[in-house]
Amino acid sequence: MDKALEYFQENGVICKKVEDDREDYGDFIAVFGYGKLTREQIVEHIKANNLSCMFFEGAIRENEWKKRASGC
């Protein structure tokens, strides 16, 4: 998971590792912004590394709006 996080952060993806010590749940990556990648690229990387992720749509929309407003 740490290598995936490093890859995402190198590409400007706003994310963090969420650790859960309960037996019924596992660790996952929380995504708050796409950075230089598309949603599809993020999902493919998650699948290729057999990880779990959760997209926080409200934060993503806000970050995408700010990115467009600043001309990036």
Protein backbone atom coordinates (compact mmCIF):
# COMPACT_ATOMS: atom_id res chain seq x y z
CA MET A 1 0.00 0.00 0.00
CA ASP A 2 2.84 2.39 0.78
CA LYS A 3 4.21 2.16 -2.79
CA ALA A 4 0.76 2.97 -4.19
CA LEU A 5 0.50 5.97 -1.87
CA GLU A 6 3.92 7.14 -2.98
CA TYR A 7 2.90 6.81 -6.65
CA PHE A 8 -0.31 8.75 -6.05
CA GLN A 9 1.44 11.51 -4.12
CA GLU A 10 4.09 11.83 -6.86
CA ASN A 11 1.18 12.48 -9.23
CA GLY A 12 -0.52 15.06 -7.03
CA VAL A 13 -3.37 12.80 -5.88
CA ILE A 14 -4.72 14.05 -2.56
CA CYS A 15 -5.02 10.88 -0.50
CA LYS A 16 -4.15 9.16 2.73
CA LYS A 17 -3.90 5.68 4.17
CA VAL A 18 -6.69 4.73 6.55
CA GLU A 19 -5.84 1.91 8.91
CA ASP A 20 -8.56 -0.13 10.59
CA ASP A 21 -7.72 -2.75 13.18
CA ARG A 22 -11.20 -4.30 13.27
CA GLU A 23 -11.34 -7.86 11.93
CA ASP A 24 -14.27 -7.20 9.57
CA TYR A 25 -12.57 -4.28 7.84
CA GLY A 26 -9.26 -3.66 6.14
CA ASP A 27 -6.99 -0.74 5.47
CA PHE A 28 -7.80 1.44 2.48
CA ILE A 29 -6.71 4.56 0.65
CA ALA A 30 -8.97 7.60 0.96
CA VAL A 31 -8.93 9.75 -2.19
CA PHE A 32 -9.82 13.44 -1.88
CA GLY A 33 -8.50 14.77 -5.21
CA TYR A 34 -7.32 13.31 -8.54
CA GLY A 35 -4.18 15.39 -9.05
CA LYS A 36 -2.60 14.64 -12.45
CA LEU A 37 -4.37 11.28 -12.78
CA THR A 38 -7.87 10.42 -13.88
CA ARG A 39 -10.30 8.44 -11.76
CA GLU A 40 -9.82 5.52 -14.14
CA GLN A 41 -6.02 5.59 -13.71
CA ILE A 42 -6.41 5.61 -9.94
CA VAL A 43 -8.84 2.68 -10.04
CA GLU A 44 -6.55 0.68 -12.35
CA HIS A 45 -3.59 1.22 -10.01
CA ILE A 46 -5.72 0.19 -7.00
CA LYS A 47 -6.89 -2.96 -8.83
CA ALA A 48 -3.40 -3.85 -10.05
CA ASN A 49 -2.11 -3.74 -6.48
CA ASN A 50 -5.12 -5.57 -4.97
CA LEU A 51 -5.98 -2.64 -2.69
CA SER A 52 -9.15 -0.92 -1.55
CA CYS A 53 -10.01 2.74 -1.87
CA MET A 54 -12.80 5.14 -1.12
CA PHE A 55 -13.47 8.26 -3.17
CA PHE A 56 -14.71 11.24 -1.18
CA GLU A 57 -16.80 12.85 -3.91
CA GLY A 58 -17.51 16.15 -2.14
CA ALA A 59 -13.83 16.84 -1.57
CA ILE A 60 -12.95 15.72 -5.10
CA ARG A 61 -15.54 18.07 -6.67
CA GLU A 62 -14.26 20.94 -4.56
CA ASN A 63 -10.63 20.26 -5.49
CA GLU A 64 -11.47 19.88 -9.20
CA TRP A 65 -13.43 23.16 -9.11
CA LYS A 66 -10.49 24.96 -7.45
CA LYS A 67 -8.10 23.47 -10.02
CA ARG A 68 -10.23 24.73 -12.92
CA ALA A 69 -10.76 28.14 -11.30
CA SER A 70 -7.00 28.62 -10.93
CA GLY A 71 -6.43 27.67 -14.58
CA CYS A 72 -4.48 24.47 -13.90
